[in-house]
N, C-alpha and C. Protein backbone atom coordinates (compact mmCIF):
# COMPACT_ATOMS: atom_id res chain seq x y z
N UNK A 1 299.46 2.38 94.59
CA UNK A 1 299.17 1.62 95.81
C UNK A 1 299.16 0.13 95.48
N UNK A 2 299.97 -0.64 96.19
CA UNK A 2 300.06 -2.06 95.94
C UNK A 2 298.85 -2.82 96.48
N UNK A 3 298.70 -4.06 95.99
CA UNK A 3 297.56 -4.88 96.40
C UNK A 3 297.60 -5.17 97.91
N UNK A 4 298.79 -5.45 98.43
CA UNK A 4 298.91 -5.76 99.86
C UNK A 4 298.49 -4.57 100.71
N UNK A 5 298.92 -3.38 100.30
CA UNK A 5 298.55 -2.17 101.03
C UNK A 5 297.05 -1.93 100.98
N UNK A 6 296.49 -2.11 99.78
CA UNK A 6 295.05 -1.91 99.62
C UNK A 6 294.26 -2.93 100.44
N UNK A 7 294.74 -4.15 100.47
CA UNK A 7 294.04 -5.20 101.23
C UNK A 7 294.05 -4.89 102.73
N UNK A 8 295.19 -4.38 103.23
CA UNK A 8 295.25 -4.06 104.66
C UNK A 8 294.26 -2.96 105.02
N UNK A 9 294.20 -1.93 104.18
CA UNK A 9 293.29 -0.82 104.44
C UNK A 9 291.83 -1.27 104.35
N UNK A 10 291.52 -2.10 103.35
CA UNK A 10 290.15 -2.59 103.20
C UNK A 10 289.76 -3.49 104.37
N UNK A 11 290.70 -4.31 104.82
CA UNK A 11 290.43 -5.18 105.97
C UNK A 11 290.17 -4.36 107.22
N UNK A 12 290.96 -3.31 107.44
CA UNK A 12 290.75 -2.47 108.61
C UNK A 12 289.41 -1.75 108.52
N UNK A 13 289.07 -1.28 107.32
CA UNK A 13 287.78 -0.62 107.14
C UNK A 13 286.63 -1.56 107.50
N UNK A 14 286.73 -2.80 107.08
CA UNK A 14 285.67 -3.77 107.39
C UNK A 14 285.62 -4.08 108.89
N UNK A 15 286.76 -4.05 109.55
CA UNK A 15 286.75 -4.24 111.00
C UNK A 15 286.00 -3.10 111.69
N UNK A 16 286.22 -1.88 111.22
CA UNK A 16 285.51 -0.73 111.78
C UNK A 16 284.01 -0.87 111.55
N UNK A 17 283.64 -1.27 110.35
CA UNK A 17 282.22 -1.41 110.02
C UNK A 17 281.56 -2.50 110.86
N UNK A 18 282.28 -3.58 111.10
CA UNK A 18 281.74 -4.65 111.95
C UNK A 18 281.51 -4.14 113.37
N UNK A 19 282.43 -3.33 113.87
CA UNK A 19 282.26 -2.75 115.20
C UNK A 19 281.02 -1.86 115.25
N UNK A 20 280.79 -1.10 114.19
CA UNK A 20 279.62 -0.21 114.17
C UNK A 20 278.31 -1.00 114.21
N UNK A 21 278.30 -2.17 113.61
CA UNK A 21 277.08 -2.98 113.61
C UNK A 21 276.67 -3.40 115.01
N UNK A 22 277.61 -3.36 115.94
CA UNK A 22 277.31 -3.80 117.30
C UNK A 22 276.82 -2.71 118.23
N UNK A 23 276.71 -1.46 117.74
CA UNK A 23 276.37 -0.38 118.67
C UNK A 23 274.88 -0.15 118.89
N UNK A 24 273.97 -0.46 117.96
CA UNK A 24 272.55 -0.21 118.25
C UNK A 24 272.06 -1.03 119.44
N UNK A 25 271.26 -0.42 120.28
CA UNK A 25 270.69 -1.13 121.43
C UNK A 25 269.69 -2.18 120.96
N UNK A 26 268.92 -1.84 119.93
CA UNK A 26 267.89 -2.73 119.40
C UNK A 26 268.16 -2.95 117.91
N UNK A 27 268.55 -4.16 117.55
CA UNK A 27 268.88 -4.45 116.17
C UNK A 27 267.69 -4.67 115.27
N UNK A 28 266.47 -4.58 115.81
CA UNK A 28 265.27 -4.85 115.00
C UNK A 28 264.62 -3.58 114.47
N UNK A 29 265.16 -2.42 114.78
CA UNK A 29 264.53 -1.16 114.38
C UNK A 29 264.85 -0.83 112.92
N UNK A 30 264.10 0.13 112.39
CA UNK A 30 264.36 0.60 111.03
C UNK A 30 265.73 1.26 110.95
N UNK A 31 266.10 1.97 112.02
CA UNK A 31 267.42 2.60 112.05
C UNK A 31 268.54 1.58 111.96
N UNK A 32 268.38 0.46 112.66
CA UNK A 32 269.39 -0.60 112.60
C UNK A 32 269.46 -1.21 111.20
N UNK A 33 268.31 -1.33 110.55
CA UNK A 33 268.28 -1.85 109.18
C UNK A 33 269.01 -0.91 108.23
N UNK A 34 268.80 0.40 108.42
CA UNK A 34 269.50 1.39 107.60
C UNK A 34 271.01 1.30 107.82
N UNK A 35 271.41 1.13 109.08
CA UNK A 35 272.83 0.98 109.39
C UNK A 35 273.41 -0.23 108.67
N UNK A 36 272.72 -1.35 108.73
CA UNK A 36 273.22 -2.56 108.05
C UNK A 36 273.34 -2.34 106.55
N UNK A 37 272.40 -1.59 105.99
CA UNK A 37 272.44 -1.32 104.55
C UNK A 37 273.64 -0.43 104.20
N UNK A 38 273.87 0.62 104.99
CA UNK A 38 275.00 1.52 104.75
C UNK A 38 276.33 0.77 104.90
N UNK A 39 276.42 -0.03 105.96
CA UNK A 39 277.64 -0.78 106.22
C UNK A 39 277.89 -1.81 105.12
N UNK A 40 276.83 -2.50 104.71
CA UNK A 40 276.98 -3.51 103.66
C UNK A 40 277.45 -2.91 102.35
N UNK A 41 276.90 -1.74 102.01
CA UNK A 41 277.28 -1.10 100.75
C UNK A 41 278.74 -0.69 100.76
N UNK A 42 279.21 -0.11 101.86
CA UNK A 42 280.60 0.32 101.93
C UNK A 42 281.54 -0.88 102.01
N UNK A 43 281.13 -1.91 102.74
CA UNK A 43 281.97 -3.10 102.86
C UNK A 43 282.17 -3.76 101.50
N UNK A 44 281.11 -3.80 100.70
CA UNK A 44 281.20 -4.43 99.38
C UNK A 44 282.12 -3.66 98.45
N UNK A 45 282.22 -2.36 98.65
CA UNK A 45 283.04 -1.51 97.78
C UNK A 45 284.32 -1.05 98.47
N UNK A 46 284.73 -1.76 99.51
CA UNK A 46 285.87 -1.31 100.32
C UNK A 46 287.12 -1.11 99.48
N UNK A 47 287.47 -2.09 98.65
CA UNK A 47 288.71 -1.99 97.87
C UNK A 47 288.67 -0.81 96.90
N UNK A 48 287.55 -0.63 96.21
CA UNK A 48 287.47 0.48 95.25
C UNK A 48 287.46 1.82 95.97
N UNK A 49 286.83 1.88 97.16
CA UNK A 49 286.82 3.12 97.93
C UNK A 49 288.23 3.47 98.39
N UNK A 50 288.99 2.47 98.79
CA UNK A 50 290.38 2.69 99.20
C UNK A 50 291.20 3.16 98.00
N UNK A 51 291.00 2.51 96.87
CA UNK A 51 291.78 2.84 95.67
C UNK A 51 291.53 4.27 95.22
N UNK A 52 290.26 4.70 95.27
CA UNK A 52 289.91 6.04 94.79
C UNK A 52 290.09 7.12 95.85
N UNK A 53 290.23 6.71 97.10
CA UNK A 53 290.35 7.67 98.18
C UNK A 53 289.02 8.24 98.63
N UNK A 54 287.92 7.65 98.12
CA UNK A 54 286.58 8.15 98.46
C UNK A 54 286.01 7.39 99.65
N UNK A 55 286.66 7.55 100.79
CA UNK A 55 286.27 6.80 102.00
C UNK A 55 285.50 7.67 102.98
N UNK A 56 285.91 8.92 103.10
CA UNK A 56 285.43 9.77 104.18
C UNK A 56 283.90 9.89 104.22
N UNK A 57 283.29 10.28 103.11
CA UNK A 57 281.84 10.52 103.10
C UNK A 57 281.03 9.26 103.42
N UNK A 58 281.28 8.13 102.75
CA UNK A 58 280.48 6.95 103.08
C UNK A 58 280.74 6.41 104.48
N UNK A 59 281.97 6.55 104.98
CA UNK A 59 282.25 6.09 106.34
C UNK A 59 281.55 6.99 107.36
N UNK A 60 281.57 8.29 107.10
CA UNK A 60 280.86 9.21 107.99
C UNK A 60 279.36 8.91 107.99
N UNK A 61 278.83 8.54 106.82
CA UNK A 61 277.40 8.19 106.73
C UNK A 61 277.10 6.96 107.58
N UNK A 62 278.03 6.02 107.64
CA UNK A 62 277.84 4.84 108.48
C UNK A 62 277.82 5.21 109.95
N UNK A 63 278.69 6.12 110.36
CA UNK A 63 278.70 6.56 111.75
C UNK A 63 277.42 7.31 112.09
N UNK A 64 276.96 8.15 111.18
CA UNK A 64 275.70 8.87 111.40
C UNK A 64 274.53 7.89 111.50
N UNK A 65 274.56 6.85 110.67
CA UNK A 65 273.51 5.83 110.72
C UNK A 65 273.53 5.07 112.04
N UNK A 66 274.73 4.83 112.56
CA UNK A 66 274.84 4.15 113.86
C UNK A 66 274.22 5.00 114.96
N UNK A 67 274.45 6.30 114.91
CA UNK A 67 273.85 7.20 115.90
C UNK A 67 272.34 7.20 115.76
N UNK A 68 271.85 7.29 114.53
CA UNK A 68 270.40 7.29 114.30
C UNK A 68 269.76 5.97 114.70
N UNK A 69 270.56 4.90 114.69
CA UNK A 69 270.04 3.57 115.04
C UNK A 69 269.97 3.35 116.55
N UNK A 70 270.40 4.35 117.32
CA UNK A 70 270.27 4.23 118.77
C UNK A 70 271.56 3.95 119.50
N UNK A 71 272.69 4.24 118.87
CA UNK A 71 273.97 4.06 119.56
C UNK A 71 274.03 5.00 120.77
N UNK A 72 274.89 4.67 121.72
CA UNK A 72 275.08 5.50 122.91
C UNK A 72 276.53 5.97 122.96
N UNK A 73 276.79 6.96 123.79
CA UNK A 73 278.17 7.45 123.91
C UNK A 73 279.12 6.36 124.43
N UNK A 74 278.74 5.59 125.45
CA UNK A 74 279.64 4.51 125.88
C UNK A 74 279.90 3.49 124.77
N UNK A 75 278.87 3.17 123.99
CA UNK A 75 279.05 2.20 122.90
C UNK A 75 279.99 2.75 121.84
N UNK A 76 279.83 4.03 121.50
CA UNK A 76 280.73 4.63 120.51
C UNK A 76 282.14 4.76 121.08
N UNK A 77 282.24 4.97 122.38
CA UNK A 77 283.55 5.00 123.02
C UNK A 77 284.25 3.65 122.93
N UNK A 78 283.47 2.58 123.04
CA UNK A 78 284.07 1.24 122.91
C UNK A 78 284.54 0.99 121.49
N UNK A 79 283.79 1.49 120.51
CA UNK A 79 284.24 1.38 119.12
C UNK A 79 285.57 2.11 118.95
N UNK A 80 285.63 3.33 119.48
CA UNK A 80 286.86 4.12 119.38
C UNK A 80 288.04 3.40 120.01
N UNK A 81 287.83 2.85 121.20
CA UNK A 81 288.92 2.15 121.90
C UNK A 81 289.39 0.94 121.10
N UNK A 82 288.44 0.22 120.50
CA UNK A 82 288.80 -0.95 119.71
C UNK A 82 289.59 -0.55 118.46
N UNK A 83 289.19 0.55 117.83
CA UNK A 83 289.90 1.02 116.64
C UNK A 83 291.29 1.52 117.02
N UNK A 84 291.39 2.21 118.15
CA UNK A 84 292.70 2.70 118.60
C UNK A 84 293.66 1.56 118.88
N UNK A 85 293.13 0.40 119.25
CA UNK A 85 293.99 -0.74 119.57
C UNK A 85 294.56 -1.41 118.32
N UNK A 86 294.02 -1.08 117.15
CA UNK A 86 294.54 -1.64 115.91
C UNK A 86 295.88 -1.00 115.57
N UNK A 87 296.76 -1.76 114.93
CA UNK A 87 298.11 -1.26 114.61
C UNK A 87 298.43 -1.47 113.14
N UNK A 88 297.81 -0.71 112.26
CA UNK A 88 298.09 -0.86 110.83
C UNK A 88 299.50 -0.38 110.49
N UNK A 89 300.05 -0.93 109.42
CA UNK A 89 301.42 -0.58 109.03
C UNK A 89 301.47 0.34 107.81
N UNK A 90 300.50 0.20 106.91
CA UNK A 90 300.52 1.01 105.69
C UNK A 90 299.83 2.35 105.91
N UNK A 91 300.20 3.34 105.12
CA UNK A 91 299.61 4.67 105.27
C UNK A 91 298.10 4.67 105.00
N UNK A 92 297.60 4.01 103.93
CA UNK A 92 296.14 4.01 103.72
C UNK A 92 295.37 3.42 104.90
N UNK A 93 295.89 2.36 105.49
CA UNK A 93 295.20 1.76 106.64
C UNK A 93 295.24 2.69 107.84
N UNK A 94 296.35 3.40 108.01
CA UNK A 94 296.44 4.37 109.12
C UNK A 94 295.46 5.52 108.91
N UNK A 95 295.25 5.90 107.66
CA UNK A 95 294.29 6.96 107.35
C UNK A 95 292.87 6.51 107.71
N UNK A 96 292.53 5.28 107.36
CA UNK A 96 291.21 4.75 107.70
C UNK A 96 291.03 4.72 109.22
N UNK A 97 292.04 4.27 109.92
CA UNK A 97 291.98 4.21 111.39
C UNK A 97 291.76 5.61 111.97
N UNK A 98 292.52 6.59 111.49
CA UNK A 98 292.40 7.96 112.00
C UNK A 98 291.02 8.54 111.70
N UNK A 99 290.51 8.27 110.50
CA UNK A 99 289.17 8.74 110.15
C UNK A 99 288.12 8.17 111.10
N UNK A 100 288.21 6.87 111.35
CA UNK A 100 287.22 6.22 112.21
C UNK A 100 287.26 6.80 113.62
N UNK A 101 288.45 7.05 114.13
CA UNK A 101 288.58 7.62 115.48
C UNK A 101 287.97 9.02 115.52
N UNK A 102 288.23 9.82 114.49
CA UNK A 102 287.68 11.18 114.46
C UNK A 102 286.16 11.15 114.37
N UNK A 103 285.61 10.25 113.56
CA UNK A 103 284.15 10.17 113.45
C UNK A 103 283.53 9.69 114.77
N UNK A 104 284.22 8.81 115.47
CA UNK A 104 283.76 8.41 116.81
C UNK A 104 283.66 9.63 117.72
N UNK A 105 284.70 10.44 117.72
CA UNK A 105 284.73 11.62 118.59
C UNK A 105 283.62 12.60 118.24
N UNK A 106 283.36 12.77 116.96
CA UNK A 106 282.28 13.67 116.53
C UNK A 106 280.94 13.18 117.07
N UNK A 107 280.67 11.88 116.90
CA UNK A 107 279.40 11.33 117.38
C UNK A 107 279.33 11.37 118.90
N UNK A 108 280.44 11.09 119.58
CA UNK A 108 280.44 11.14 121.04
C UNK A 108 280.15 12.56 121.53
N UNK A 109 280.69 13.55 120.84
CA UNK A 109 280.43 14.94 121.22
C UNK A 109 278.94 15.25 121.10
N UNK A 110 278.30 14.71 120.08
CA UNK A 110 276.85 14.93 119.91
C UNK A 110 276.07 14.27 121.05
N UNK A 111 276.47 13.05 121.39
CA UNK A 111 275.80 12.36 122.49
C UNK A 111 275.93 13.15 123.78
N UNK A 112 277.13 13.62 124.06
CA UNK A 112 277.40 14.34 125.30
C UNK A 112 276.57 15.62 125.37
N UNK A 113 276.46 16.32 124.25
CA UNK A 113 275.68 17.56 124.23
C UNK A 113 274.21 17.31 124.56
N UNK A 114 273.73 16.10 124.25
CA UNK A 114 272.32 15.78 124.50
C UNK A 114 272.11 15.03 125.82
N UNK A 115 273.18 14.81 126.57
CA UNK A 115 273.09 14.04 127.82
C UNK A 115 272.79 14.95 129.00
N UNK A 116 271.88 14.51 129.86
CA UNK A 116 271.61 15.20 131.12
C UNK A 116 272.36 14.47 132.23
N UNK A 117 273.30 15.14 132.85
CA UNK A 117 274.11 14.53 133.90
C UNK A 117 273.47 14.77 135.26
N UNK A 118 273.57 13.76 136.13
CA UNK A 118 272.95 13.87 137.45
C UNK A 118 273.83 14.61 138.44
N UNK A 119 275.15 14.57 138.24
CA UNK A 119 276.05 15.16 139.23
C UNK A 119 277.30 15.71 138.58
N UNK A 120 278.03 16.53 139.34
CA UNK A 120 279.33 17.01 138.89
C UNK A 120 280.26 15.84 138.61
N UNK A 121 280.19 14.82 139.45
CA UNK A 121 281.08 13.67 139.31
C UNK A 121 280.89 13.00 137.95
N UNK A 122 279.63 12.84 137.54
CA UNK A 122 279.34 12.19 136.26
C UNK A 122 279.89 13.03 135.10
N UNK A 123 279.64 14.34 135.15
CA UNK A 123 280.11 15.22 134.09
C UNK A 123 281.64 15.27 134.05
N UNK A 124 282.26 15.32 135.22
CA UNK A 124 283.72 15.40 135.28
C UNK A 124 284.38 14.10 134.83
N UNK A 125 283.74 12.97 135.13
CA UNK A 125 284.28 11.68 134.68
C UNK A 125 284.24 11.59 133.16
N UNK A 126 283.14 12.07 132.58
CA UNK A 126 283.03 12.08 131.12
C UNK A 126 284.07 13.02 130.52
N UNK A 127 284.27 14.17 131.14
CA UNK A 127 285.26 15.12 130.65
C UNK A 127 286.66 14.52 130.68
N UNK A 128 287.00 13.84 131.76
CA UNK A 128 288.33 13.23 131.87
C UNK A 128 288.54 12.19 130.77
N UNK A 129 287.52 11.38 130.52
CA UNK A 129 287.62 10.35 129.48
C UNK A 129 287.77 10.97 128.10
N UNK A 130 287.00 12.04 127.84
CA UNK A 130 287.06 12.68 126.53
C UNK A 130 288.37 13.45 126.35
N UNK A 131 288.90 14.02 127.42
CA UNK A 131 290.20 14.70 127.32
C UNK A 131 291.28 13.72 126.85
N UNK A 132 291.27 12.53 127.44
CA UNK A 132 292.25 11.52 127.05
C UNK A 132 292.06 11.09 125.60
N UNK A 133 290.80 10.92 125.20
CA UNK A 133 290.52 10.49 123.83
C UNK A 133 290.94 11.55 122.81
N UNK A 134 290.59 12.80 123.09
CA UNK A 134 290.95 13.88 122.17
C UNK A 134 292.46 14.09 122.12
N UNK A 135 293.12 13.99 123.25
CA UNK A 135 294.57 14.19 123.28
C UNK A 135 295.28 13.19 122.38
N UNK A 136 294.85 11.93 122.43
CA UNK A 136 295.47 10.91 121.59
C UNK A 136 295.23 11.21 120.11
N UNK A 137 294.00 11.61 119.76
CA UNK A 137 293.69 11.91 118.37
C UNK A 137 294.43 13.15 117.89
N UNK A 138 294.55 14.15 118.75
CA UNK A 138 295.26 15.38 118.38
C UNK A 138 296.75 15.11 118.18
N UNK A 139 297.33 14.27 119.02
CA UNK A 139 298.74 13.94 118.87
C UNK A 139 298.99 13.28 117.51
N UNK A 140 298.07 12.41 117.12
CA UNK A 140 298.23 11.73 115.84
C UNK A 140 298.02 12.70 114.68
N UNK A 141 297.02 13.57 114.80
CA UNK A 141 296.73 14.52 113.72
C UNK A 141 297.82 15.56 113.56
N UNK A 142 298.55 15.84 114.64
CA UNK A 142 299.61 16.84 114.58
C UNK A 142 300.72 16.43 113.63
N UNK A 143 300.83 15.14 113.35
CA UNK A 143 301.88 14.66 112.46
C UNK A 143 301.45 14.50 111.02
N UNK A 144 300.23 14.93 110.68
CA UNK A 144 299.74 14.80 109.31
C UNK A 144 300.19 15.98 108.46
N UNK A 145 300.22 15.82 107.13
CA UNK A 145 300.68 16.90 106.26
C UNK A 145 299.86 18.18 106.38
N UNK A 146 298.55 18.06 106.60
CA UNK A 146 297.72 19.25 106.75
C UNK A 146 297.31 19.43 108.20
N UNK A 147 297.26 20.66 108.67
CA UNK A 147 296.88 20.89 110.06
C UNK A 147 295.41 21.26 110.20
N UNK A 148 294.64 21.18 109.10
CA UNK A 148 293.21 21.49 109.17
C UNK A 148 292.50 20.48 110.07
N UNK A 149 292.87 19.22 109.96
CA UNK A 149 292.26 18.18 110.80
C UNK A 149 292.60 18.42 112.26
N UNK A 150 293.85 18.78 112.51
CA UNK A 150 294.28 19.05 113.88
C UNK A 150 293.48 20.21 114.47
N UNK A 151 293.32 21.28 113.70
CA UNK A 151 292.58 22.45 114.19
C UNK A 151 291.12 22.09 114.46
N UNK A 152 290.54 21.26 113.60
CA UNK A 152 289.14 20.86 113.80
C UNK A 152 288.99 20.04 115.08
N UNK A 153 289.95 19.16 115.34
CA UNK A 153 289.90 18.37 116.57
C UNK A 153 290.06 19.25 117.80
N UNK A 154 290.98 20.20 117.73
CA UNK A 154 291.19 21.11 118.86
C UNK A 154 289.92 21.92 119.13
N UNK A 155 289.27 22.39 118.07
CA UNK A 155 288.05 23.18 118.23
C UNK A 155 286.93 22.34 118.85
N UNK A 156 286.78 21.10 118.38
CA UNK A 156 285.74 20.24 118.93
C UNK A 156 286.05 19.89 120.38
N UNK A 157 287.31 19.61 120.67
CA UNK A 157 287.73 19.32 122.04
C UNK A 157 287.41 20.49 122.96
N UNK A 158 287.70 21.70 122.50
CA UNK A 158 287.43 22.89 123.30
C UNK A 158 285.94 23.06 123.55
N UNK A 159 285.13 22.78 122.53
CA UNK A 159 283.68 22.91 122.69
C UNK A 159 283.13 21.91 123.70
N UNK A 160 283.61 20.67 123.64
CA UNK A 160 283.17 19.65 124.59
C UNK A 160 283.60 20.01 126.01
N UNK A 161 284.84 20.47 126.14
CA UNK A 161 285.36 20.85 127.46
C UNK A 161 284.56 22.01 128.05
N UNK A 162 284.30 23.01 127.23
CA UNK A 162 283.55 24.18 127.70
C UNK A 162 282.13 23.78 128.13
N UNK A 163 281.49 22.96 127.32
CA UNK A 163 280.12 22.53 127.62
C UNK A 163 280.06 21.76 128.93
N UNK A 164 280.94 20.77 129.09
CA UNK A 164 280.92 19.94 130.29
C UNK A 164 281.31 20.74 131.53
N UNK A 165 282.29 21.63 131.39
CA UNK A 165 282.73 22.42 132.54
C UNK A 165 281.63 23.36 133.02
N UNK A 166 280.96 24.01 132.08
CA UNK A 166 279.89 24.94 132.45
C UNK A 166 278.71 24.22 133.07
N UNK A 167 278.36 23.07 132.53
CA UNK A 167 277.22 22.34 133.08
C UNK A 167 277.56 21.71 134.43
N UNK A 168 278.79 21.22 134.58
CA UNK A 168 279.19 20.60 135.85
C UNK A 168 279.11 21.60 137.00
N UNK A 169 279.42 22.85 136.71
CA UNK A 169 279.42 23.88 137.75
C UNK A 169 278.03 24.05 138.38
N UNK A 170 276.99 23.73 137.62
CA UNK A 170 275.62 23.92 138.10
C UNK A 170 275.03 22.67 138.74
N UNK A 171 275.78 21.58 138.72
CA UNK A 171 275.24 20.30 139.19
C UNK A 171 275.62 20.02 140.65
N UNK A 172 274.82 19.23 141.34
CA UNK A 172 275.18 18.84 142.71
C UNK A 172 276.34 17.85 142.71
N UNK A 173 277.04 17.76 143.83
CA UNK A 173 278.11 16.79 143.98
C UNK A 173 277.55 15.49 144.54
N UNK A 174 278.29 14.42 144.34
CA UNK A 174 277.93 13.13 144.91
C UNK A 174 278.82 12.89 146.14
N UNK A 175 278.20 12.71 147.30
CA UNK A 175 278.95 12.52 148.54
C UNK A 175 278.57 11.18 149.17
N UNK A 176 279.40 10.71 150.11
CA UNK A 176 279.18 9.42 150.76
C UNK A 176 278.88 9.65 152.24
N UNK A 177 277.79 9.04 152.70
CA UNK A 177 277.41 9.09 154.11
C UNK A 177 277.56 7.69 154.70
N UNK A 178 278.09 7.62 155.92
CA UNK A 178 278.29 6.33 156.59
C UNK A 178 277.29 6.19 157.74
N UNK A 179 276.70 4.99 157.85
CA UNK A 179 275.71 4.73 158.90
C UNK A 179 276.09 3.45 159.64
N UNK A 180 275.63 3.36 160.88
CA UNK A 180 275.94 2.20 161.71
C UNK A 180 275.06 1.01 161.36
N UNK A 181 273.92 1.27 160.72
CA UNK A 181 273.01 0.19 160.34
C UNK A 181 272.39 0.50 158.99
N UNK A 182 271.91 -0.54 158.33
CA UNK A 182 271.27 -0.36 157.03
C UNK A 182 269.91 0.32 157.22
N UNK A 183 269.68 1.36 156.45
CA UNK A 183 268.43 2.11 156.56
C UNK A 183 267.65 2.03 155.26
N UNK A 184 266.32 2.19 155.33
CA UNK A 184 265.50 2.15 154.12
C UNK A 184 265.76 3.36 153.23
N UNK A 185 265.59 3.16 151.94
CA UNK A 185 265.76 4.26 150.98
C UNK A 185 264.77 5.38 151.26
N UNK A 186 263.56 5.02 151.66
CA UNK A 186 262.54 6.03 151.94
C UNK A 186 262.95 6.93 153.10
N UNK A 187 263.52 6.33 154.14
CA UNK A 187 263.97 7.10 155.30
C UNK A 187 265.06 8.10 154.90
N UNK A 188 266.01 7.61 154.10
CA UNK A 188 267.13 8.48 153.72
C UNK A 188 266.70 9.54 152.70
N UNK A 189 265.74 9.21 151.86
CA UNK A 189 265.24 10.21 150.91
C UNK A 189 264.60 11.37 151.66
N UNK A 190 263.86 11.05 152.70
CA UNK A 190 263.25 12.11 153.52
C UNK A 190 264.31 12.89 154.28
N UNK A 191 265.33 12.18 154.77
CA UNK A 191 266.37 12.84 155.55
C UNK A 191 267.24 13.74 154.67
N UNK A 192 267.64 13.24 153.50
CA UNK A 192 268.54 14.00 152.64
C UNK A 192 267.83 15.12 151.89
N UNK A 193 266.66 14.79 151.35
CA UNK A 193 266.02 15.71 150.40
C UNK A 193 264.64 16.20 150.82
N UNK A 194 264.12 15.65 151.93
CA UNK A 194 262.73 15.93 152.32
C UNK A 194 261.79 15.61 151.16
N UNK A 195 262.09 14.51 150.47
CA UNK A 195 261.33 14.14 149.28
C UNK A 195 261.32 12.62 149.16
N UNK A 196 260.22 12.00 149.56
CA UNK A 196 260.12 10.54 149.54
C UNK A 196 260.19 9.98 148.13
N UNK A 197 259.85 10.78 147.13
CA UNK A 197 259.85 10.29 145.76
C UNK A 197 261.25 10.02 145.22
N UNK A 198 262.28 10.45 145.95
CA UNK A 198 263.65 10.21 145.49
C UNK A 198 264.24 8.93 146.10
N UNK A 199 263.40 8.13 146.73
CA UNK A 199 263.87 6.88 147.32
C UNK A 199 264.43 5.94 146.25
N UNK A 200 263.76 5.87 145.10
CA UNK A 200 264.23 4.99 144.02
C UNK A 200 265.60 5.44 143.51
N UNK A 201 265.80 6.75 143.48
CA UNK A 201 267.10 7.29 143.05
C UNK A 201 268.22 6.78 143.96
N UNK A 202 267.97 6.78 145.27
CA UNK A 202 268.97 6.29 146.22
C UNK A 202 269.18 4.78 146.07
N UNK A 203 268.09 4.05 145.91
CA UNK A 203 268.21 2.60 145.74
C UNK A 203 269.02 2.26 144.50
N UNK A 204 268.68 2.88 143.37
CA UNK A 204 269.36 2.57 142.12
C UNK A 204 270.81 3.07 142.14
N UNK A 205 271.02 4.26 142.69
CA UNK A 205 272.37 4.82 142.71
C UNK A 205 273.33 4.05 143.58
N UNK A 206 272.79 3.31 144.56
CA UNK A 206 273.64 2.52 145.45
C UNK A 206 273.54 1.02 145.18
N UNK A 207 272.82 0.68 144.11
CA UNK A 207 272.69 -0.72 143.69
C UNK A 207 272.24 -1.62 144.84
N UNK A 208 271.25 -1.12 145.56
CA UNK A 208 270.74 -1.89 146.70
C UNK A 208 269.87 -3.04 146.21
N UNK A 209 269.99 -4.19 146.86
CA UNK A 209 269.17 -5.34 146.48
C UNK A 209 267.72 -5.15 146.90
N UNK A 210 267.51 -4.37 147.97
CA UNK A 210 266.15 -4.16 148.46
C UNK A 210 266.06 -2.73 149.00
N UNK A 211 264.97 -2.02 148.71
CA UNK A 211 264.87 -0.62 149.16
C UNK A 211 264.83 -0.44 150.67
N UNK A 212 264.58 -1.52 151.42
CA UNK A 212 264.57 -1.41 152.88
C UNK A 212 265.96 -1.48 153.48
N UNK A 213 266.94 -1.92 152.68
CA UNK A 213 268.28 -2.13 153.23
C UNK A 213 269.33 -1.55 152.28
N UNK A 214 269.61 -0.27 152.46
CA UNK A 214 270.69 0.34 151.69
C UNK A 214 272.03 0.00 152.34
N UNK A 215 273.13 0.12 151.62
CA UNK A 215 274.44 -0.19 152.20
C UNK A 215 274.75 0.73 153.39
N UNK A 216 275.74 0.33 154.18
CA UNK A 216 276.13 1.16 155.31
C UNK A 216 276.77 2.47 154.85
N UNK A 217 277.39 2.45 153.67
CA UNK A 217 277.91 3.68 153.07
C UNK A 217 277.03 4.01 151.86
N UNK A 218 276.37 5.15 151.95
CA UNK A 218 275.39 5.52 150.95
C UNK A 218 275.87 6.74 150.16
N UNK A 219 275.83 6.62 148.84
CA UNK A 219 276.13 7.76 147.98
C UNK A 219 274.85 8.55 147.73
N UNK A 220 274.95 9.87 147.85
CA UNK A 220 273.79 10.71 147.62
C UNK A 220 274.24 12.04 147.03
N UNK A 221 273.32 12.69 146.33
CA UNK A 221 273.61 14.00 145.76
C UNK A 221 273.43 15.08 146.82
N UNK A 222 274.16 16.17 146.67
CA UNK A 222 274.07 17.25 147.65
C UNK A 222 272.82 18.10 147.46
N UNK A 223 272.10 17.87 146.39
CA UNK A 223 270.86 18.63 146.16
C UNK A 223 269.91 17.80 145.32
């Protein structure tokens, strides 16, 4: 492996690590400190890790640390999108890019499994986004010398799809009601659900500036 090739792979690895540092919601926690320590250690040894091929385990540890530090599925999705936008030319750099994308998908699958969705629409939107993400990763893995990675991605994709599909089936739908005048959230909570305590849900779900004046078109759950 030439120096130029090694430098490109190490530079891409450091870009991935920098992206991971941005995912914790609170950078002052112990988890965030652990993430910085893991990232710093791998960044310092990037060239030697590339040279020896010992990238997978320490990079996966960095992704796990990001999750433990309070990362969210949308934040990890942004990391994945940023990594996908990179266009490395050498094979080692492409390997690092593919590894990072796969580790993003693994962590996103964990987040999704622990997420409580409010509606079918929310679950289906997540499923559509993950289908696109997995399809891109599977297409890339299909061209690798070993198909073990491809099979693992297909299996994880199937598990995420099955989980979201089964849970979406049990969730209420989000529908839109049109009114001639702005009505209070409390009034509509009683009308839709016979439950005044869900007024805040309507206000927040419709991004109303004031609970007394919801938009003329109101989104609400069917149950």
